[in-house]
Amino acid sequence: EHGDMCTVCALCGRLEDEHWNVRRAAAEALAQLAPQGDEHTITNLARAVAHHDFDVKQGAMEALVAVAGKGHPHAISCVSACLGVSRDVTKVALDTLVRLAHHGCERAVGAAIMYLDDERE
């Protein structure tokens, strides 16, 4: 059930599972079940964004869009940190930043511009 904090907490714990597919599934479930703006979930998803596995990163970034909502500074910051990790991760991170940014969001736009400027050098 959407917003059931017992379920949300259990899913947050699964973001630390040893199997990448369990982590990815937990992130996808959190996107559906966690209440928007829940800082506990956002913090756990931000940690999952830092995971080395592409599928886990991608699932966590997608879930952050649903849970953090537009303009959330911590979500934007952790996704911005993924710019330049690899071509695939950067593509997902840029797409996620677009979805996280509200109109005129300097933090998200600035991160994307800095990355693109670095790529040209």
N, C-alpha and C. Protein backbone atom coordinates (compact mmCIF):
# COMPACT_ATOMS: atom_id res chain seq x y z
N GLU A 1 0.84 -1.18 0.00
CA GLU A 1 0.00 0.00 0.00
C GLU A 1 0.88 1.24 0.00
N HIS A 2 0.51 2.23 -0.83
CA HIS A 2 1.28 3.47 -0.94
C HIS A 2 1.38 4.16 0.42
N GLY A 3 2.60 4.51 0.81
CA GLY A 3 2.83 5.22 2.05
C GLY A 3 2.97 4.36 3.29
N ASP A 4 2.85 3.05 3.17
CA ASP A 4 3.03 2.15 4.33
C ASP A 4 4.50 2.17 4.74
N MET A 5 4.79 2.84 5.85
CA MET A 5 6.18 3.08 6.24
C MET A 5 6.90 1.80 6.67
N CYS A 6 6.19 0.80 7.14
CA CYS A 6 6.85 -0.48 7.45
C CYS A 6 7.41 -1.10 6.16
N THR A 7 6.61 -1.08 5.13
CA THR A 7 7.05 -1.61 3.83
C THR A 7 8.17 -0.75 3.26
N VAL A 8 8.03 0.55 3.35
CA VAL A 8 9.06 1.47 2.83
C VAL A 8 10.39 1.24 3.54
N CYS A 9 10.37 1.11 4.86
CA CYS A 9 11.61 0.85 5.61
C CYS A 9 12.24 -0.48 5.23
N ALA A 10 11.41 -1.50 5.05
CA ALA A 10 11.93 -2.81 4.63
C ALA A 10 12.57 -2.71 3.25
N LEU A 11 11.94 -1.98 2.35
CA LEU A 11 12.50 -1.81 1.01
C LEU A 11 13.80 -1.01 1.04
N CYS A 12 13.87 0.00 1.91
CA CYS A 12 15.12 0.76 2.05
C CYS A 12 16.25 -0.16 2.48
N GLY A 13 15.95 -1.11 3.36
CA GLY A 13 16.96 -2.09 3.77
C GLY A 13 17.42 -2.96 2.63
N ARG A 14 16.51 -3.25 1.70
CA ARG A 14 16.85 -4.08 0.54
C ARG A 14 17.76 -3.35 -0.45
N LEU A 15 17.85 -2.04 -0.33
CA LEU A 15 18.77 -1.29 -1.19
C LEU A 15 20.23 -1.64 -0.88
N GLU A 16 20.45 -2.33 0.25
CA GLU A 16 21.79 -2.76 0.65
C GLU A 16 22.01 -4.25 0.39
N ASP A 17 21.07 -4.92 -0.24
CA ASP A 17 21.19 -6.36 -0.48
C ASP A 17 22.43 -6.66 -1.32
N GLU A 18 22.98 -7.85 -1.14
CA GLU A 18 24.19 -8.22 -1.88
C GLU A 18 23.93 -8.46 -3.37
N HIS A 19 22.70 -8.67 -3.76
CA HIS A 19 22.37 -8.94 -5.16
C HIS A 19 21.83 -7.67 -5.83
N TRP A 20 22.44 -7.32 -6.96
CA TRP A 20 22.07 -6.08 -7.64
C TRP A 20 20.60 -6.07 -8.06
N ASN A 21 20.09 -7.24 -8.47
CA ASN A 21 18.70 -7.27 -8.94
C ASN A 21 17.70 -7.02 -7.81
N VAL A 22 18.06 -7.41 -6.59
CA VAL A 22 17.21 -7.12 -5.43
C VAL A 22 17.24 -5.62 -5.14
N ARG A 23 18.44 -5.02 -5.22
CA ARG A 23 18.56 -3.57 -5.02
C ARG A 23 17.74 -2.80 -6.05
N ARG A 24 17.85 -3.22 -7.28
CA ARG A 24 17.11 -2.55 -8.36
C ARG A 24 15.60 -2.68 -8.13
N ALA A 25 15.14 -3.87 -7.79
CA ALA A 25 13.71 -4.09 -7.54
C ALA A 25 13.22 -3.27 -6.35
N ALA A 26 14.05 -3.15 -5.32
CA ALA A 26 13.69 -2.34 -4.16
C ALA A 26 13.52 -0.87 -4.56
N ALA A 27 14.44 -0.37 -5.38
CA ALA A 27 14.34 1.02 -5.84
C ALA A 27 13.06 1.22 -6.64
N GLU A 28 12.76 0.29 -7.53
CA GLU A 28 11.54 0.40 -8.33
C GLU A 28 10.29 0.37 -7.46
N ALA A 29 10.29 -0.48 -6.44
CA ALA A 29 9.14 -0.55 -5.54
C ALA A 29 9.00 0.73 -4.72
N LEU A 30 10.14 1.29 -4.29
CA LEU A 30 10.09 2.54 -3.52
C LEU A 30 9.50 3.67 -4.35
N ALA A 31 9.78 3.68 -5.64
CA ALA A 31 9.21 4.71 -6.51
C ALA A 31 7.69 4.66 -6.49
N GLN A 32 7.14 3.47 -6.32
CA GLN A 32 5.69 3.29 -6.31
C GLN A 32 5.06 3.48 -4.93
N LEU A 33 5.82 3.14 -3.87
CA LEU A 33 5.22 3.05 -2.53
C LEU A 33 5.59 4.16 -1.55
N ALA A 34 6.78 4.73 -1.71
CA ALA A 34 7.23 5.73 -0.73
C ALA A 34 6.47 7.04 -0.91
N PRO A 35 6.16 7.69 0.20
CA PRO A 35 5.50 8.99 0.07
C PRO A 35 6.46 10.03 -0.51
N GLN A 36 5.95 10.88 -1.36
CA GLN A 36 6.80 11.91 -1.97
C GLN A 36 7.36 12.81 -0.88
N GLY A 37 8.67 13.07 -0.99
CA GLY A 37 9.35 13.94 -0.05
C GLY A 37 9.88 13.25 1.19
N ASP A 38 9.71 11.95 1.31
CA ASP A 38 10.19 11.23 2.49
C ASP A 38 11.72 11.23 2.52
N GLU A 39 12.28 11.96 3.47
CA GLU A 39 13.73 12.16 3.54
C GLU A 39 14.49 10.87 3.81
N HIS A 40 13.92 9.98 4.60
CA HIS A 40 14.58 8.70 4.89
C HIS A 40 14.76 7.91 3.59
N THR A 41 13.73 7.85 2.79
CA THR A 41 13.80 7.14 1.51
C THR A 41 14.76 7.84 0.55
N ILE A 42 14.70 9.15 0.50
CA ILE A 42 15.59 9.91 -0.39
C ILE A 42 17.05 9.67 -0.03
N THR A 43 17.37 9.67 1.25
CA THR A 43 18.75 9.42 1.70
C THR A 43 19.21 8.03 1.28
N ASN A 44 18.35 7.04 1.45
CA ASN A 44 18.70 5.67 1.07
C ASN A 44 18.84 5.53 -0.44
N LEU A 45 17.98 6.16 -1.19
CA LEU A 45 18.10 6.12 -2.65
C LEU A 45 19.36 6.84 -3.12
N ALA A 46 19.70 7.92 -2.45
CA ALA A 46 20.94 8.64 -2.81
C ALA A 46 22.16 7.74 -2.63
N ARG A 47 22.16 6.95 -1.57
CA ARG A 47 23.27 5.99 -1.38
C ARG A 47 23.28 4.96 -2.50
N ALA A 48 22.11 4.52 -2.92
CA ALA A 48 22.02 3.52 -3.99
C ALA A 48 22.50 4.10 -5.33
N VAL A 49 22.30 5.40 -5.53
CA VAL A 49 22.79 6.05 -6.74
C VAL A 49 24.32 5.93 -6.83
N ALA A 50 24.98 5.87 -5.70
CA ALA A 50 26.44 5.75 -5.67
C ALA A 50 26.94 4.32 -5.89
N HIS A 51 26.03 3.36 -5.99
CA HIS A 51 26.42 1.96 -6.17
C HIS A 51 27.17 1.78 -7.49
N HIS A 52 28.07 0.83 -7.55
CA HIS A 52 28.89 0.63 -8.75
C HIS A 52 28.12 0.01 -9.92
N ASP A 53 27.03 -0.68 -9.66
CA ASP A 53 26.29 -1.36 -10.72
C ASP A 53 25.37 -0.39 -11.46
N PHE A 54 25.44 -0.39 -12.78
CA PHE A 54 24.64 0.52 -13.60
C PHE A 54 23.15 0.35 -13.35
N ASP A 55 22.67 -0.89 -13.31
CA ASP A 55 21.23 -1.12 -13.13
C ASP A 55 20.72 -0.59 -11.80
N VAL A 56 21.54 -0.72 -10.75
CA VAL A 56 21.16 -0.19 -9.44
C VAL A 56 21.12 1.34 -9.50
N LYS A 57 22.16 1.95 -10.08
CA LYS A 57 22.19 3.41 -10.23
C LYS A 57 20.96 3.91 -10.97
N GLN A 58 20.67 3.26 -12.11
CA GLN A 58 19.55 3.69 -12.93
C GLN A 58 18.22 3.57 -12.18
N GLY A 59 18.01 2.46 -11.51
CA GLY A 59 16.78 2.28 -10.75
C GLY A 59 16.64 3.30 -9.63
N ALA A 60 17.76 3.58 -8.95
CA ALA A 60 17.73 4.55 -7.85
C ALA A 60 17.46 5.95 -8.37
N MET A 61 18.06 6.31 -9.51
CA MET A 61 17.82 7.64 -10.07
C MET A 61 16.36 7.80 -10.47
N GLU A 62 15.81 6.78 -11.10
CA GLU A 62 14.39 6.84 -11.50
C GLU A 62 13.49 6.96 -10.28
N ALA A 63 13.82 6.24 -9.22
CA ALA A 63 13.02 6.32 -7.99
C ALA A 63 13.14 7.69 -7.34
N LEU A 64 14.33 8.30 -7.41
CA LEU A 64 14.50 9.64 -6.83
C LEU A 64 13.56 10.65 -7.48
N VAL A 65 13.36 10.53 -8.77
CA VAL A 65 12.44 11.45 -9.45
C VAL A 65 11.05 11.34 -8.83
N ALA A 66 10.60 10.12 -8.59
CA ALA A 66 9.26 9.90 -8.03
C ALA A 66 9.17 10.33 -6.57
N VAL A 67 10.20 10.04 -5.79
CA VAL A 67 10.13 10.28 -4.34
C VAL A 67 10.56 11.69 -3.97
N ALA A 68 11.66 12.17 -4.54
CA ALA A 68 12.18 13.48 -4.15
C ALA A 68 11.37 14.62 -4.76
N GLY A 69 10.93 14.43 -5.98
CA GLY A 69 10.20 15.50 -6.64
C GLY A 69 11.13 16.55 -7.20
N LYS A 70 10.56 17.50 -7.88
CA LYS A 70 11.34 18.53 -8.57
C LYS A 70 12.05 19.46 -7.59
N GLY A 71 13.31 19.76 -7.93
CA GLY A 71 14.07 20.76 -7.19
C GLY A 71 14.70 20.30 -5.89
N HIS A 72 14.60 19.03 -5.55
CA HIS A 72 15.15 18.56 -4.28
C HIS A 72 16.68 18.63 -4.34
N PRO A 73 17.31 19.45 -3.48
CA PRO A 73 18.76 19.67 -3.58
C PRO A 73 19.62 18.43 -3.38
N HIS A 74 19.26 17.57 -2.44
CA HIS A 74 20.07 16.37 -2.19
C HIS A 74 19.99 15.41 -3.38
N ALA A 75 18.80 15.25 -3.94
CA ALA A 75 18.63 14.38 -5.10
C ALA A 75 19.43 14.92 -6.29
N ILE A 76 19.34 16.21 -6.53
CA ILE A 76 20.08 16.82 -7.63
C ILE A 76 21.58 16.66 -7.43
N SER A 77 22.03 16.85 -6.21
CA SER A 77 23.45 16.74 -5.91
C SER A 77 23.99 15.34 -6.14
N CYS A 78 23.30 14.32 -5.66
CA CYS A 78 23.82 12.95 -5.81
C CYS A 78 23.74 12.49 -7.26
N VAL A 79 22.73 12.92 -8.00
CA VAL A 79 22.65 12.57 -9.42
C VAL A 79 23.74 13.31 -10.20
N SER A 80 23.98 14.57 -9.86
CA SER A 80 25.04 15.34 -10.52
C SER A 80 26.40 14.70 -10.34
N ALA A 81 26.61 14.06 -9.21
CA ALA A 81 27.90 13.39 -8.95
C ALA A 81 28.14 12.23 -9.90
N CYS A 82 27.10 11.76 -10.57
CA CYS A 82 27.24 10.64 -11.52
C CYS A 82 27.65 11.09 -12.92
N LEU A 83 27.61 12.39 -13.17
CA LEU A 83 28.00 12.89 -14.49
C LEU A 83 29.47 12.55 -14.73
N GLY A 84 29.74 11.91 -15.84
CA GLY A 84 31.11 11.57 -16.20
C GLY A 84 31.57 10.21 -15.71
N VAL A 85 30.75 9.50 -14.96
CA VAL A 85 31.14 8.17 -14.46
C VAL A 85 31.38 7.23 -15.64
N SER A 86 30.46 7.18 -16.55
CA SER A 86 30.57 6.42 -17.80
C SER A 86 29.57 7.03 -18.77
N ARG A 87 29.66 6.66 -20.01
CA ARG A 87 28.73 7.21 -21.01
C ARG A 87 27.28 6.86 -20.66
N ASP A 88 27.02 5.60 -20.32
CA ASP A 88 25.65 5.17 -20.01
C ASP A 88 25.12 5.84 -18.75
N VAL A 89 25.95 5.90 -17.71
CA VAL A 89 25.53 6.52 -16.45
C VAL A 89 25.28 8.01 -16.67
N THR A 90 26.14 8.67 -17.42
CA THR A 90 25.98 10.09 -17.69
C THR A 90 24.67 10.36 -18.43
N LYS A 91 24.34 9.52 -19.38
CA LYS A 91 23.09 9.69 -20.13
C LYS A 91 21.88 9.61 -19.19
N VAL A 92 21.88 8.61 -18.30
CA VAL A 92 20.79 8.46 -17.35
C VAL A 92 20.77 9.64 -16.37
N ALA A 93 21.95 10.07 -15.92
CA ALA A 93 22.03 11.19 -14.97
C ALA A 93 21.50 12.48 -15.60
N LEU A 94 21.87 12.76 -16.84
CA LEU A 94 21.37 13.97 -17.50
C LEU A 94 19.85 13.91 -17.66
N ASP A 95 19.33 12.76 -18.06
CA ASP A 95 17.88 12.59 -18.19
C ASP A 95 17.20 12.80 -16.83
N THR A 96 17.81 12.26 -15.78
CA THR A 96 17.24 12.39 -14.44
C THR A 96 17.27 13.84 -13.98
N LEU A 97 18.37 14.55 -14.25
CA LEU A 97 18.46 15.96 -13.86
C LEU A 97 17.37 16.78 -14.54
N VAL A 98 17.10 16.49 -15.79
CA VAL A 98 16.03 17.20 -16.50
C VAL A 98 14.70 16.97 -15.79
N ARG A 99 14.47 15.75 -15.36
CA ARG A 99 13.21 15.41 -14.69
C ARG A 99 13.15 15.95 -13.26
N LEU A 100 14.31 16.13 -12.61
CA LEU A 100 14.33 16.66 -11.24
C LEU A 100 14.25 18.18 -11.20
N ALA A 101 14.67 18.82 -12.27
CA ALA A 101 14.76 20.28 -12.26
C ALA A 101 13.39 20.91 -12.49
N HIS A 102 13.07 21.89 -11.66
CA HIS A 102 11.91 22.70 -11.97
C HIS A 102 12.40 23.84 -12.87
N HIS A 103 11.51 24.52 -13.50
CA HIS A 103 11.88 25.57 -14.45
C HIS A 103 12.85 26.56 -13.80
N GLY A 104 14.00 26.73 -14.43
CA GLY A 104 14.99 27.67 -13.93
C GLY A 104 15.82 27.16 -12.77
N CYS A 105 15.81 25.88 -12.51
CA CYS A 105 16.57 25.31 -11.38
C CYS A 105 18.07 25.44 -11.65
N GLU A 106 18.70 26.41 -11.02
CA GLU A 106 20.11 26.70 -11.27
C GLU A 106 21.02 25.54 -10.89
N ARG A 107 20.71 24.83 -9.83
CA ARG A 107 21.58 23.73 -9.38
C ARG A 107 21.66 22.62 -10.43
N ALA A 108 20.54 22.18 -10.95
CA ALA A 108 20.52 21.09 -11.94
C ALA A 108 21.10 21.55 -13.27
N VAL A 109 20.69 22.71 -13.73
CA VAL A 109 21.18 23.22 -15.00
C VAL A 109 22.68 23.50 -14.91
N GLY A 110 23.11 24.05 -13.80
CA GLY A 110 24.53 24.35 -13.60
C GLY A 110 25.39 23.09 -13.63
N ALA A 111 24.92 22.02 -13.02
CA ALA A 111 25.66 20.76 -13.01
C ALA A 111 25.80 20.22 -14.43
N ALA A 112 24.73 20.27 -15.19
CA ALA A 112 24.77 19.78 -16.57
C ALA A 112 25.70 20.63 -17.42
N ILE A 113 25.64 21.93 -17.28
CA ILE A 113 26.49 22.82 -18.06
C ILE A 113 27.96 22.61 -17.71
N MET A 114 28.27 22.49 -16.42
CA MET A 114 29.66 22.24 -16.01
C MET A 114 30.18 20.95 -16.63
N TYR A 115 29.37 19.91 -16.61
CA TYR A 115 29.79 18.64 -17.19
C TYR A 115 30.04 18.80 -18.68
N LEU A 116 29.13 19.43 -19.38
CA LEU A 116 29.28 19.59 -20.82
C LEU A 116 30.48 20.46 -21.17
N ASP A 117 30.74 21.50 -20.37
CA ASP A 117 31.93 22.33 -20.58
C ASP A 117 33.21 21.51 -20.40
N ASP A 118 33.24 20.66 -19.37
CA ASP A 118 34.41 19.81 -19.13
C ASP A 118 34.64 18.85 -20.28
N GLU A 119 33.56 18.34 -20.87
CA GLU A 119 33.67 17.39 -21.97
C GLU A 119 34.27 18.03 -23.22
N ARG A 120 34.02 19.31 -23.41
CA ARG A 120 34.54 20.00 -24.60
C ARG A 120 36.02 20.29 -24.48
N GLU A 121 36.54 20.36 -23.28
CA GLU A 121 37.96 20.71 -23.09
C GLU A 121 38.88 19.58 -23.40
